[in-house]
Amino acid sequence: MKVGIVIFPGSNCDKDAYRFMGELGFETEWLWHNNPSTNGVDLVFLPGGFSYGDYLRSGAIARFSPVMESVIDHALADKPVIGICNGFQILVESGLLPGALRRNQGGLFRCKTVALRKEESCGGPWSGPPAGTILQIPIAHMDGNWYANETQYESVQENNQVAYRYLENPNGSLGDVAGLLNTSGNVLGMMPHPERAGRALLGSEDGREVFASILHTTART
């Protein structure tokens, strides 16, 4: 499976993502934000960082980068897309995921390893580990407080779109949401960084579990 790592001005987790995906066995390539094509990759990865300096609102400017039109088309064709941290913010700003991401409760930048619980989600390529699995994965964000209005949150719950929840909420996110899917299950946004939890030397290998379903599908094909 070929994975495209998108680089925006201000991305700073792109090399982590590239290395991590390569170690998992994927063929990786760079996708430049100003190129309106995803070059026929199978999976699009929007990495963390501070795209366009987080001016205006996190992810709000990156959403209009030329590459995003192709990313949206890729997602609407039911192909896999993952956005981590700032990538999650961009997916929300693009309308591919519901809600909004606000300043952390308490107004502080949060950087630590947190425990996540895998939820019974709507299926698709991001089914990951079995429901109830606990993962240890680091976070590093200021605007990770996911919020939705009552109607949106009810819809998210009914459609089993919550992929991961915090066991101890570090940012005030509604419903302890740490990872969210679209209704088709092919688009995943997460505030925690699985690409920083790929080796025991780093403190955890649990980030690999986020990609368990895709790895299984790739192995079968």
N, C-alpha and C. Protein backbone atom coordinates (compact mmCIF):
# COMPACT_ATOMS: atom_id res chain seq x y z
N MET A 1 0.84 -1.19 0.00
CA MET A 1 0.00 0.00 0.00
C MET A 1 0.88 1.24 0.00
N LYS A 2 0.55 2.18 -0.86
CA LYS A 2 1.33 3.41 -0.97
C LYS A 2 0.69 4.51 -0.13
N VAL A 3 1.50 5.16 0.72
CA VAL A 3 1.02 6.19 1.64
C VAL A 3 1.64 7.53 1.26
N GLY A 4 0.81 8.56 1.18
CA GLY A 4 1.28 9.90 0.90
C GLY A 4 1.24 10.75 2.16
N ILE A 5 2.40 11.31 2.56
CA ILE A 5 2.49 12.17 3.73
C ILE A 5 2.44 13.61 3.25
N VAL A 6 1.39 14.34 3.61
CA VAL A 6 1.24 15.72 3.14
C VAL A 6 2.09 16.66 4.00
N ILE A 7 2.82 17.55 3.34
CA ILE A 7 3.62 18.56 4.04
C ILE A 7 2.99 19.93 3.81
N PHE A 8 2.60 20.58 4.89
CA PHE A 8 2.12 21.96 4.85
C PHE A 8 3.22 22.86 5.43
N PRO A 9 3.21 24.16 5.12
CA PRO A 9 4.11 25.06 5.82
C PRO A 9 3.79 25.01 7.32
N GLY A 10 4.75 24.60 8.13
CA GLY A 10 4.51 24.48 9.56
C GLY A 10 4.34 23.06 10.04
N SER A 11 4.26 22.07 9.13
CA SER A 11 4.23 20.68 9.56
C SER A 11 5.53 20.36 10.29
N ASN A 12 5.44 19.63 11.41
CA ASN A 12 6.68 19.25 12.10
C ASN A 12 6.69 17.79 12.53
N CYS A 13 5.66 17.04 12.18
CA CYS A 13 5.62 15.61 12.49
C CYS A 13 5.66 14.77 11.22
N ASP A 14 5.95 15.43 10.09
CA ASP A 14 5.94 14.74 8.80
C ASP A 14 7.03 13.67 8.71
N LYS A 15 8.24 13.97 9.21
CA LYS A 15 9.31 12.97 9.15
C LYS A 15 9.04 11.81 10.09
N ASP A 16 8.45 12.10 11.24
CA ASP A 16 8.05 11.02 12.16
C ASP A 16 7.06 10.09 11.47
N ALA A 17 6.07 10.70 10.79
CA ALA A 17 5.05 9.91 10.10
C ALA A 17 5.67 9.07 8.98
N TYR A 18 6.58 9.68 8.22
CA TYR A 18 7.22 8.99 7.10
C TYR A 18 8.02 7.78 7.59
N ARG A 19 8.81 8.00 8.66
CA ARG A 19 9.61 6.90 9.21
C ARG A 19 8.72 5.80 9.77
N PHE A 20 7.72 6.20 10.53
CA PHE A 20 6.82 5.24 11.18
C PHE A 20 6.10 4.37 10.14
N MET A 21 5.55 4.99 9.11
CA MET A 21 4.82 4.23 8.10
C MET A 21 5.75 3.30 7.33
N GLY A 22 6.97 3.76 7.09
CA GLY A 22 7.96 2.90 6.44
C GLY A 22 8.30 1.70 7.28
N GLU A 23 8.44 1.91 8.59
CA GLU A 23 8.75 0.80 9.50
C GLU A 23 7.61 -0.21 9.56
N LEU A 24 6.38 0.26 9.33
CA LEU A 24 5.24 -0.65 9.31
C LEU A 24 5.16 -1.46 8.02
N GLY A 25 5.97 -1.07 7.03
CA GLY A 25 6.01 -1.82 5.78
C GLY A 25 5.31 -1.16 4.61
N PHE A 26 4.83 0.08 4.80
CA PHE A 26 4.17 0.79 3.72
C PHE A 26 5.19 1.48 2.81
N GLU A 27 4.82 1.66 1.56
CA GLU A 27 5.62 2.46 0.63
C GLU A 27 5.20 3.91 0.82
N THR A 28 6.14 4.76 1.16
CA THR A 28 5.80 6.14 1.52
C THR A 28 6.36 7.15 0.52
N GLU A 29 5.62 8.24 0.35
CA GLU A 29 6.10 9.34 -0.48
C GLU A 29 5.56 10.65 0.07
N TRP A 30 6.23 11.75 -0.30
CA TRP A 30 5.80 13.07 0.15
C TRP A 30 4.75 13.64 -0.79
N LEU A 31 3.80 14.38 -0.22
CA LEU A 31 2.83 15.14 -1.00
C LEU A 31 2.93 16.59 -0.57
N TRP A 32 3.27 17.47 -1.49
CA TRP A 32 3.46 18.89 -1.18
C TRP A 32 2.11 19.61 -1.21
N HIS A 33 1.88 20.47 -0.24
CA HIS A 33 0.57 21.12 -0.07
C HIS A 33 0.13 21.91 -1.30
N ASN A 34 1.09 22.42 -2.07
CA ASN A 34 0.76 23.28 -3.21
C ASN A 34 0.55 22.49 -4.50
N ASN A 35 0.72 21.16 -4.43
CA ASN A 35 0.47 20.29 -5.58
C ASN A 35 -0.96 19.76 -5.46
N PRO A 36 -1.82 20.01 -6.45
CA PRO A 36 -3.23 19.63 -6.31
C PRO A 36 -3.52 18.15 -6.52
N SER A 37 -2.50 17.31 -6.47
CA SER A 37 -2.70 15.88 -6.71
C SER A 37 -2.18 15.04 -5.55
N THR A 38 -2.86 13.92 -5.29
CA THR A 38 -2.36 12.97 -4.30
C THR A 38 -1.56 11.85 -4.96
N ASN A 39 -1.27 12.01 -6.23
CA ASN A 39 -0.36 11.09 -6.96
C ASN A 39 -0.80 9.62 -6.92
N GLY A 40 -2.08 9.39 -6.78
CA GLY A 40 -2.58 8.02 -6.83
C GLY A 40 -2.23 7.15 -5.64
N VAL A 41 -1.91 7.77 -4.48
CA VAL A 41 -1.58 6.98 -3.29
C VAL A 41 -2.85 6.28 -2.79
N ASP A 42 -2.64 5.23 -2.00
CA ASP A 42 -3.76 4.48 -1.46
C ASP A 42 -4.28 5.10 -0.15
N LEU A 43 -3.37 5.67 0.63
CA LEU A 43 -3.70 6.23 1.94
C LEU A 43 -3.07 7.61 2.06
N VAL A 44 -3.85 8.57 2.55
CA VAL A 44 -3.34 9.92 2.77
C VAL A 44 -3.16 10.14 4.27
N PHE A 45 -1.99 10.69 4.64
CA PHE A 45 -1.65 10.93 6.04
C PHE A 45 -1.41 12.43 6.22
N LEU A 46 -2.26 13.08 7.00
CA LEU A 46 -2.06 14.49 7.34
C LEU A 46 -1.38 14.56 8.70
N PRO A 47 -0.11 14.97 8.77
CA PRO A 47 0.65 14.91 10.02
C PRO A 47 0.38 16.10 10.94
N GLY A 48 0.96 16.02 12.12
CA GLY A 48 0.82 17.09 13.10
C GLY A 48 1.77 18.25 12.82
N GLY A 49 1.59 19.30 13.60
CA GLY A 49 2.42 20.48 13.45
C GLY A 49 1.59 21.73 13.65
N PHE A 50 2.00 22.79 12.97
CA PHE A 50 1.33 24.08 13.08
C PHE A 50 1.16 24.65 11.68
N SER A 51 0.32 24.02 10.88
CA SER A 51 0.16 24.43 9.48
C SER A 51 -0.19 25.92 9.40
N TYR A 52 0.59 26.63 8.57
CA TYR A 52 0.43 28.08 8.39
C TYR A 52 0.49 28.81 9.73
N GLY A 53 1.27 28.26 10.67
CA GLY A 53 1.47 28.91 11.96
C GLY A 53 0.25 28.93 12.86
N ASP A 54 -0.78 28.13 12.50
CA ASP A 54 -2.04 28.13 13.26
C ASP A 54 -2.70 29.50 13.28
N TYR A 55 -2.35 30.36 12.29
CA TYR A 55 -2.99 31.68 12.22
C TYR A 55 -4.46 31.51 11.87
N LEU A 56 -5.24 32.43 12.32
CA LEU A 56 -6.69 32.45 12.16
C LEU A 56 -7.32 31.41 13.07
N ARG A 57 -7.05 30.12 12.79
CA ARG A 57 -7.57 29.02 13.60
C ARG A 57 -6.85 27.76 13.13
N SER A 58 -6.53 26.86 14.04
CA SER A 58 -5.75 25.67 13.67
C SER A 58 -6.41 24.90 12.53
N GLY A 59 -5.68 24.76 11.43
CA GLY A 59 -6.17 24.00 10.29
C GLY A 59 -7.03 24.78 9.32
N ALA A 60 -7.43 26.00 9.70
CA ALA A 60 -8.38 26.75 8.88
C ALA A 60 -7.80 27.22 7.55
N ILE A 61 -6.50 27.52 7.52
CA ILE A 61 -5.88 27.96 6.26
C ILE A 61 -5.45 26.75 5.44
N ALA A 62 -4.88 25.74 6.11
CA ALA A 62 -4.45 24.53 5.39
C ALA A 62 -5.60 23.87 4.65
N ARG A 63 -6.80 24.04 5.18
CA ARG A 63 -7.97 23.45 4.54
C ARG A 63 -8.13 23.91 3.08
N PHE A 64 -7.57 25.11 2.76
CA PHE A 64 -7.68 25.66 1.42
C PHE A 64 -6.44 25.41 0.56
N SER A 65 -5.47 24.64 1.05
CA SER A 65 -4.31 24.28 0.24
C SER A 65 -4.76 23.49 -0.99
N PRO A 66 -4.10 23.67 -2.14
CA PRO A 66 -4.51 22.97 -3.36
C PRO A 66 -4.63 21.46 -3.20
N VAL A 67 -3.76 20.83 -2.40
CA VAL A 67 -3.80 19.38 -2.26
C VAL A 67 -5.10 18.91 -1.60
N MET A 68 -5.75 19.77 -0.81
CA MET A 68 -6.90 19.33 -0.04
C MET A 68 -8.10 18.97 -0.91
N GLU A 69 -8.20 19.57 -2.07
CA GLU A 69 -9.31 19.20 -2.96
C GLU A 69 -9.21 17.72 -3.35
N SER A 70 -7.97 17.28 -3.64
CA SER A 70 -7.75 15.88 -3.97
C SER A 70 -7.90 14.99 -2.74
N VAL A 71 -7.50 15.48 -1.57
CA VAL A 71 -7.67 14.71 -0.34
C VAL A 71 -9.15 14.49 -0.07
N ILE A 72 -9.96 15.52 -0.25
CA ILE A 72 -11.40 15.40 -0.04
C ILE A 72 -12.00 14.42 -1.03
N ASP A 73 -11.58 14.50 -2.29
CA ASP A 73 -12.06 13.54 -3.30
C ASP A 73 -11.66 12.12 -2.92
N HIS A 74 -10.45 11.96 -2.44
CA HIS A 74 -9.93 10.66 -2.00
C HIS A 74 -10.83 10.10 -0.89
N ALA A 75 -11.16 10.95 0.07
CA ALA A 75 -12.00 10.52 1.19
C ALA A 75 -13.41 10.19 0.73
N LEU A 76 -13.97 10.99 -0.15
CA LEU A 76 -15.33 10.77 -0.62
C LEU A 76 -15.44 9.52 -1.50
N ALA A 77 -14.28 9.05 -1.99
CA ALA A 77 -14.25 7.79 -2.76
C ALA A 77 -14.06 6.59 -1.83
N ASP A 78 -14.22 6.82 -0.51
CA ASP A 78 -14.11 5.76 0.51
C ASP A 78 -12.71 5.19 0.63
N LYS A 79 -11.70 5.99 0.30
CA LYS A 79 -10.32 5.57 0.46
C LYS A 79 -9.80 6.09 1.81
N PRO A 80 -8.83 5.41 2.42
CA PRO A 80 -8.41 5.77 3.78
C PRO A 80 -7.62 7.08 3.89
N VAL A 81 -7.99 7.84 4.90
CA VAL A 81 -7.32 9.10 5.24
C VAL A 81 -7.15 9.12 6.75
N ILE A 82 -5.98 9.55 7.22
CA ILE A 82 -5.77 9.73 8.65
C ILE A 82 -5.16 11.11 8.88
N GLY A 83 -5.66 11.80 9.90
CA GLY A 83 -5.12 13.09 10.30
C GLY A 83 -4.77 13.06 11.77
N ILE A 84 -3.53 13.36 12.10
CA ILE A 84 -3.05 13.31 13.48
C ILE A 84 -2.81 14.72 14.00
N CYS A 85 -3.41 15.06 15.15
CA CYS A 85 -3.22 16.35 15.80
C CYS A 85 -3.62 17.49 14.86
N ASN A 86 -2.68 18.25 14.32
CA ASN A 86 -3.04 19.30 13.38
C ASN A 86 -3.75 18.72 12.16
N GLY A 87 -3.40 17.48 11.79
CA GLY A 87 -4.10 16.81 10.70
C GLY A 87 -5.57 16.59 11.02
N PHE A 88 -5.88 16.26 12.28
CA PHE A 88 -7.26 16.12 12.74
C PHE A 88 -7.98 17.46 12.61
N GLN A 89 -7.31 18.52 13.04
CA GLN A 89 -7.91 19.85 12.94
C GLN A 89 -8.23 20.21 11.49
N ILE A 90 -7.33 19.84 10.57
CA ILE A 90 -7.55 20.13 9.15
C ILE A 90 -8.73 19.33 8.61
N LEU A 91 -8.86 18.07 9.03
CA LEU A 91 -9.99 17.25 8.59
C LEU A 91 -11.32 17.83 9.06
N VAL A 92 -11.34 18.36 10.29
CA VAL A 92 -12.56 18.98 10.81
C VAL A 92 -12.86 20.27 10.04
N GLU A 93 -11.84 21.09 9.81
CA GLU A 93 -12.03 22.33 9.07
C GLU A 93 -12.49 22.06 7.63
N SER A 94 -12.10 20.90 7.09
CA SER A 94 -12.46 20.54 5.72
C SER A 94 -13.86 19.96 5.62
N GLY A 95 -14.50 19.72 6.76
CA GLY A 95 -15.84 19.14 6.75
C GLY A 95 -15.85 17.63 6.60
N LEU A 96 -14.66 17.00 6.63
CA LEU A 96 -14.62 15.54 6.52
C LEU A 96 -14.95 14.86 7.84
N LEU A 97 -14.80 15.60 8.94
CA LEU A 97 -15.18 15.12 10.26
C LEU A 97 -16.00 16.21 10.95
N PRO A 98 -16.94 15.82 11.81
CA PRO A 98 -17.83 16.80 12.43
C PRO A 98 -17.21 17.51 13.63
N GLY A 99 -17.87 18.59 14.04
CA GLY A 99 -17.48 19.28 15.26
C GLY A 99 -16.46 20.37 15.04
N ALA A 100 -15.76 20.70 16.13
CA ALA A 100 -14.72 21.73 16.11
C ALA A 100 -13.69 21.39 17.18
N LEU A 101 -12.48 21.92 17.00
CA LEU A 101 -11.41 21.71 18.00
C LEU A 101 -11.05 23.06 18.61
N ARG A 102 -11.25 23.14 19.92
CA ARG A 102 -11.06 24.39 20.64
C ARG A 102 -9.82 24.33 21.53
N ARG A 103 -9.50 25.47 22.13
CA ARG A 103 -8.39 25.56 23.07
C ARG A 103 -8.61 24.59 24.24
N ASN A 104 -7.54 23.93 24.66
CA ASN A 104 -7.64 22.99 25.78
C ASN A 104 -8.28 23.65 27.00
N GLN A 105 -9.07 22.87 27.71
CA GLN A 105 -9.63 23.36 28.97
C GLN A 105 -8.48 23.74 29.91
N GLY A 106 -8.53 24.93 30.45
CA GLY A 106 -7.44 25.43 31.28
C GLY A 106 -6.44 26.25 30.50
N GLY A 107 -6.51 26.20 29.15
CA GLY A 107 -5.67 27.04 28.31
C GLY A 107 -4.21 26.65 28.25
N LEU A 108 -3.88 25.40 28.62
CA LEU A 108 -2.48 24.98 28.65
C LEU A 108 -2.16 23.99 27.53
N PHE A 109 -0.93 24.07 27.01
CA PHE A 109 -0.42 23.07 26.08
C PHE A 109 -0.21 21.77 26.86
N ARG A 110 -0.70 20.66 26.32
CA ARG A 110 -0.58 19.37 26.99
C ARG A 110 0.37 18.46 26.22
N CYS A 111 1.39 17.96 26.91
CA CYS A 111 2.38 17.09 26.29
C CYS A 111 2.73 15.97 27.26
N LYS A 112 2.16 14.80 27.05
CA LYS A 112 2.40 13.66 27.92
C LYS A 112 1.82 12.41 27.27
N THR A 113 2.12 11.25 27.83
CA THR A 113 1.52 10.01 27.36
C THR A 113 0.19 9.81 28.07
N VAL A 114 -0.82 9.44 27.30
CA VAL A 114 -2.16 9.24 27.85
C VAL A 114 -2.67 7.84 27.51
N ALA A 115 -3.66 7.39 28.27
CA ALA A 115 -4.29 6.09 28.02
C ALA A 115 -5.56 6.31 27.20
N LEU A 116 -5.69 5.53 26.13
CA LEU A 116 -6.87 5.57 25.27
C LEU A 116 -7.58 4.22 25.31
N ARG A 117 -8.89 4.26 25.18
CA ARG A 117 -9.66 3.02 25.06
C ARG A 117 -10.27 2.94 23.66
N LYS A 118 -10.03 1.82 22.99
CA LYS A 118 -10.65 1.61 21.68
C LYS A 118 -12.13 1.35 21.88
N GLU A 119 -12.95 2.05 21.10
CA GLU A 119 -14.40 1.92 21.19
C GLU A 119 -14.94 0.99 20.11
N GLU A 120 -16.17 0.57 20.28
CA GLU A 120 -16.86 -0.22 19.25
C GLU A 120 -17.28 0.76 18.17
N SER A 121 -16.52 0.83 17.08
CA SER A 121 -16.76 1.86 16.08
C SER A 121 -17.45 1.28 14.84
N CYS A 122 -17.67 2.15 13.85
CA CYS A 122 -18.50 1.81 12.70
C CYS A 122 -17.80 0.92 11.67
N GLY A 123 -16.60 0.48 11.96
CA GLY A 123 -15.91 -0.42 11.03
C GLY A 123 -15.09 0.34 10.01
N GLY A 124 -14.71 -0.34 8.93
CA GLY A 124 -13.88 0.29 7.93
C GLY A 124 -12.40 0.02 8.17
N PRO A 125 -11.53 0.67 7.42
CA PRO A 125 -10.09 0.39 7.49
C PRO A 125 -9.44 0.77 8.81
N TRP A 126 -10.13 1.59 9.64
CA TRP A 126 -9.55 2.03 10.90
C TRP A 126 -10.19 1.32 12.09
N SER A 127 -10.66 0.10 11.88
CA SER A 127 -11.26 -0.67 12.97
C SER A 127 -10.25 -0.91 14.09
N GLY A 128 -8.97 -1.02 13.73
CA GLY A 128 -7.90 -1.11 14.71
C GLY A 128 -8.00 -2.33 15.60
N PRO A 129 -7.55 -2.20 16.85
CA PRO A 129 -7.59 -3.33 17.78
C PRO A 129 -9.03 -3.56 18.27
N PRO A 130 -9.28 -4.67 18.97
CA PRO A 130 -10.63 -4.95 19.48
C PRO A 130 -11.11 -3.87 20.44
N ALA A 131 -12.43 -3.66 20.47
CA ALA A 131 -13.02 -2.70 21.40
C ALA A 131 -12.62 -3.06 22.83
N GLY A 132 -12.30 -2.05 23.60
CA GLY A 132 -11.88 -2.25 24.99
C GLY A 132 -10.38 -2.28 25.17
N THR A 133 -9.63 -2.39 24.06
CA THR A 133 -8.17 -2.38 24.15
C THR A 133 -7.68 -1.02 24.66
N ILE A 134 -6.74 -1.04 25.59
CA ILE A 134 -6.16 0.20 26.13
C ILE A 134 -4.80 0.44 25.50
N LEU A 135 -4.61 1.63 24.96
CA LEU A 135 -3.36 2.01 24.31
C LEU A 135 -2.71 3.16 25.06
N GLN A 136 -1.38 3.15 25.12
CA GLN A 136 -0.60 4.24 25.70
C GLN A 136 0.05 5.02 24.55
N ILE A 137 -0.42 6.24 24.33
CA ILE A 137 0.03 7.03 23.19
C ILE A 137 0.22 8.49 23.62
N PRO A 138 1.29 9.15 23.18
CA PRO A 138 1.53 10.53 23.62
C PRO A 138 0.65 11.56 22.91
N ILE A 139 0.41 12.67 23.60
CA ILE A 139 -0.26 13.83 23.02
C ILE A 139 0.69 15.02 23.08
N ALA A 140 0.45 16.02 22.25
CA ALA A 140 1.20 17.28 22.28
C ALA A 140 0.38 18.31 21.53
N HIS A 141 -0.52 19.01 22.25
CA HIS A 141 -1.39 19.95 21.57
C HIS A 141 -1.91 21.04 22.50
N MET A 142 -2.35 22.12 21.88
CA MET A 142 -2.97 23.24 22.58
C MET A 142 -4.47 23.31 22.28
N ASP A 143 -4.84 22.94 21.05
CA ASP A 143 -6.24 23.04 20.61
C ASP A 143 -6.79 21.65 20.32
N GLY A 144 -6.88 20.83 21.37
CA GLY A 144 -7.34 19.45 21.19
C GLY A 144 -8.68 19.16 21.82
N ASN A 145 -9.38 20.20 22.24
CA ASN A 145 -10.65 20.08 22.94
C ASN A 145 -11.78 19.94 21.90
N TRP A 146 -12.11 18.69 21.56
CA TRP A 146 -13.15 18.46 20.54
C TRP A 146 -14.52 18.81 21.10
N TYR A 147 -15.27 19.53 20.27
CA TYR A 147 -16.60 19.98 20.68
C TYR A 147 -17.58 19.80 19.54
N ALA A 148 -18.84 19.50 19.87
CA ALA A 148 -19.90 19.42 18.89
C ALA A 148 -21.20 19.87 19.54
N ASN A 149 -22.14 20.35 18.72
CA ASN A 149 -23.43 20.69 19.31
C ASN A 149 -24.20 19.41 19.62
N GLU A 150 -25.32 19.54 20.27
CA GLU A 150 -26.06 18.37 20.75
C GLU A 150 -26.47 17.45 19.61
N THR A 151 -26.94 18.03 18.50
CA THR A 151 -27.37 17.23 17.36
C THR A 151 -26.19 16.46 16.76
N GLN A 152 -25.05 17.14 16.58
CA GLN A 152 -23.87 16.48 16.04
C GLN A 152 -23.40 15.35 16.94
N TYR A 153 -23.37 15.61 18.25
CA TYR A 153 -22.87 14.60 19.18
C TYR A 153 -23.79 13.38 19.21
N GLU A 154 -25.10 13.60 19.18
CA GLU A 154 -26.04 12.48 19.14
C GLU A 154 -25.81 11.65 17.88
N SER A 155 -25.57 12.31 16.74
CA SER A 155 -25.31 11.61 15.49
C SER A 155 -24.03 10.80 15.55
N VAL A 156 -22.98 11.40 16.12
CA VAL A 156 -21.70 10.71 16.27
C VAL A 156 -21.86 9.45 17.12
N GLN A 157 -22.62 9.56 18.19
CA GLN A 157 -22.86 8.42 19.06
C GLN A 157 -23.67 7.32 18.35
N GLU A 158 -24.74 7.73 17.69
CA GLU A 158 -25.62 6.77 17.01
C GLU A 158 -24.90 6.03 15.89
N ASN A 159 -23.97 6.71 15.23
CA ASN A 159 -23.25 6.11 14.10
C ASN A 159 -21.95 5.43 14.50
N ASN A 160 -21.69 5.35 15.81
CA ASN A 160 -20.47 4.71 16.31
C ASN A 160 -19.21 5.29 15.67
N GLN A 161 -19.16 6.64 15.65
CA GLN A 161 -18.02 7.30 15.01
C GLN A 161 -16.86 7.56 15.97
N VAL A 162 -17.06 7.37 17.25
CA VAL A 162 -15.96 7.57 18.20
C VAL A 162 -15.06 6.34 18.15
N ALA A 163 -13.83 6.53 17.72
CA ALA A 163 -12.88 5.42 17.60
C ALA A 163 -12.11 5.21 18.90
N TYR A 164 -11.71 6.31 19.55
CA TYR A 164 -10.92 6.23 20.78
C TYR A 164 -11.39 7.29 21.77
N ARG A 165 -11.40 6.92 23.06
CA ARG A 165 -11.71 7.86 24.13
C ARG A 165 -10.56 7.89 25.14
N TYR A 166 -10.35 9.07 25.73
CA TYR A 166 -9.38 9.21 26.80
C TYR A 166 -9.93 8.54 28.06
N LEU A 167 -9.07 7.86 28.79
CA LEU A 167 -9.47 7.36 30.11
C LEU A 167 -9.44 8.48 31.13
N GLU A 168 -8.48 9.38 31.02
CA GLU A 168 -8.42 10.59 31.84
C GLU A 168 -8.27 11.77 30.89
N ASN A 169 -9.35 12.48 30.70
CA ASN A 169 -9.41 13.53 29.68
C ASN A 169 -8.41 14.65 29.95
N PRO A 170 -7.44 14.88 29.04
CA PRO A 170 -6.41 15.90 29.30
C PRO A 170 -6.76 17.29 28.78
N ASN A 171 -7.86 17.41 28.03
CA ASN A 171 -8.11 18.69 27.36
C ASN A 171 -9.55 19.18 27.42
N GLY A 172 -10.47 18.41 28.03
CA GLY A 172 -11.86 18.80 28.12
C GLY A 172 -12.71 18.36 26.96
N SER A 173 -12.17 17.53 26.09
CA SER A 173 -12.87 17.06 24.90
C SER A 173 -14.23 16.45 25.26
N LEU A 174 -15.29 16.87 24.56
CA LEU A 174 -16.64 16.37 24.80
C LEU A 174 -16.68 14.85 24.65
N GLY A 175 -17.27 14.18 25.64
CA GLY A 175 -17.38 12.72 25.58
C GLY A 175 -16.05 12.01 25.66
N ASP A 176 -15.00 12.71 26.10
CA ASP A 176 -13.65 12.13 26.19
C ASP A 176 -13.12 11.68 24.83
N VAL A 177 -13.61 12.30 23.76
CA VAL A 177 -13.23 11.89 22.40
C VAL A 177 -11.76 12.19 22.13
N ALA A 178 -11.02 11.15 21.74
CA ALA A 178 -9.61 11.28 21.36
C ALA A 178 -9.41 10.99 19.89
N GLY A 179 -10.29 10.18 19.31
CA GLY A 179 -10.21 9.81 17.90
C GLY A 179 -11.59 9.66 17.32
N LEU A 180 -11.80 10.17 16.12
CA LEU A 180 -13.13 10.25 15.53
C LEU A 180 -13.11 9.79 14.07
N LEU A 181 -14.16 9.07 13.68
CA LEU A 181 -14.32 8.59 12.31
C LEU A 181 -15.43 9.34 11.59
N ASN A 182 -15.38 9.31 10.25
CA ASN A 182 -16.55 9.75 9.49
C ASN A 182 -17.56 8.60 9.47
N THR A 183 -18.72 8.82 8.90
CA THR A 183 -19.77 7.80 8.94
C THR A 183 -19.40 6.55 8.16
N SER A 184 -18.53 6.69 7.16
CA SER A 184 -18.12 5.52 6.37
C SER A 184 -16.98 4.74 7.00
N GLY A 185 -16.31 5.35 7.98
CA GLY A 185 -15.22 4.68 8.67
C GLY A 185 -13.89 4.71 7.95
N ASN A 186 -13.78 5.47 6.85
CA ASN A 186 -12.52 5.50 6.10
C ASN A 186 -11.65 6.70 6.45
N VAL A 187 -12.20 7.68 7.19
CA VAL A 187 -11.45 8.86 7.60
C VAL A 187 -11.34 8.86 9.12
N LEU A 188 -10.11 8.93 9.62
CA LEU A 188 -9.85 8.93 11.06
C LEU A 188 -9.06 10.17 11.44
N GLY A 189 -9.54 10.88 12.45
CA GLY A 189 -8.81 11.99 13.04
C GLY A 189 -8.49 11.67 14.49
N MET A 190 -7.24 11.91 14.91
CA MET A 190 -6.82 11.66 16.29
C MET A 190 -5.97 12.82 16.79
N MET A 191 -6.14 13.20 18.05
CA MET A 191 -5.22 14.14 18.66
C MET A 191 -3.95 13.44 19.15
N PRO A 192 -4.02 12.26 19.75
CA PRO A 192 -2.78 11.55 20.13
C PRO A 192 -1.95 11.16 18.91
N HIS A 193 -0.64 10.95 19.12
CA HIS A 193 0.32 10.70 18.05
C HIS A 193 0.75 9.22 17.99
N PRO A 194 0.10 8.37 17.23
CA PRO A 194 0.54 6.98 17.13
C PRO A 194 1.93 6.84 16.52
N GLU A 195 2.31 7.81 15.66
CA GLU A 195 3.63 7.73 15.01
C GLU A 195 4.76 7.96 16.00
N ARG A 196 4.45 8.45 17.21
CA ARG A 196 5.45 8.62 18.25
C ARG A 196 5.44 7.45 19.24
N ALA A 197 4.66 6.44 18.92
CA ALA A 197 4.58 5.26 19.79
C ALA A 197 4.73 4.01 18.94
N GLY A 198 5.85 3.96 18.23
CA GLY A 198 6.10 2.85 17.33
C GLY A 198 7.22 1.92 17.75
N ARG A 199 7.92 2.29 18.83
CA ARG A 199 9.05 1.47 19.31
C ARG A 199 9.04 1.43 20.84
N ALA A 200 9.41 0.28 21.38
CA ALA A 200 9.50 0.16 22.85
C ALA A 200 10.48 1.17 23.41
N LEU A 201 11.53 1.49 22.64
CA LEU A 201 12.54 2.46 23.07
C LEU A 201 11.93 3.82 23.35
N LEU A 202 10.82 4.13 22.65
CA LEU A 202 10.14 5.41 22.81
C LEU A 202 9.14 5.39 23.95
N GLY A 203 8.98 4.22 24.57
CA GLY A 203 8.06 4.11 25.70
C GLY A 203 6.80 3.34 25.41
N SER A 204 6.48 3.15 24.14
CA SER A 204 5.28 2.40 23.77
C SER A 204 5.35 2.02 22.30
N GLU A 205 4.82 0.84 21.99
CA GLU A 205 4.64 0.40 20.60
C GLU A 205 3.18 0.40 20.22
N ASP A 206 2.33 0.96 21.07
CA ASP A 206 0.88 0.86 20.86
C ASP A 206 0.38 1.61 19.65
N GLY A 207 1.17 2.56 19.14
CA GLY A 207 0.74 3.28 17.95
C GLY A 207 0.52 2.37 16.76
N ARG A 208 1.23 1.26 16.74
CA ARG A 208 1.07 0.30 15.64
C ARG A 208 -0.34 -0.28 15.60
N GLU A 209 -0.98 -0.37 16.78
CA GLU A 209 -2.31 -0.96 16.86
C GLU A 209 -3.36 -0.14 16.12
N VAL A 210 -3.15 1.16 16.02
CA VAL A 210 -4.08 2.02 15.30
C VAL A 210 -4.19 1.60 13.84
N PHE A 211 -3.08 1.03 13.31
CA PHE A 211 -3.02 0.64 11.90
C PHE A 211 -3.24 -0.87 11.72
N ALA A 212 -3.69 -1.55 12.78
CA ALA A 212 -3.80 -3.01 12.74
C ALA A 212 -4.69 -3.51 11.61
N SER A 213 -5.84 -2.88 11.42
CA SER A 213 -6.78 -3.34 10.39
C SER A 213 -6.22 -3.14 8.99
N ILE A 214 -5.59 -1.99 8.76
CA ILE A 214 -5.00 -1.73 7.44
C ILE A 214 -3.85 -2.67 7.17
N LEU A 215 -3.02 -2.93 8.18
CA LEU A 215 -1.93 -3.87 8.02
C LEU A 215 -2.45 -5.27 7.70
N HIS A 216 -3.54 -5.67 8.35
CA HIS A 216 -4.14 -6.98 8.10
C HIS A 216 -4.66 -7.06 6.68
N THR A 217 -5.33 -5.98 6.23
CA THR A 217 -5.86 -5.95 4.86
C THR A 217 -4.74 -6.01 3.85
N THR A 218 -3.65 -5.26 4.11
CA THR A 218 -2.51 -5.24 3.20
C THR A 218 -1.86 -6.61 3.12
N ALA A 219 -1.74 -7.28 4.27
CA ALA A 219 -1.13 -8.62 4.30
C ALA A 219 -1.93 -9.61 3.48
N ARG A 220 -3.27 -9.48 3.54
CA ARG A 220 -4.12 -10.42 2.79
C ARG A 220 -4.04 -10.21 1.30
N THR A 221 -3.79 -8.94 0.89
CA THR A 221 -3.75 -8.65 -0.52
C THR A 221 -2.35 -8.79 -1.08
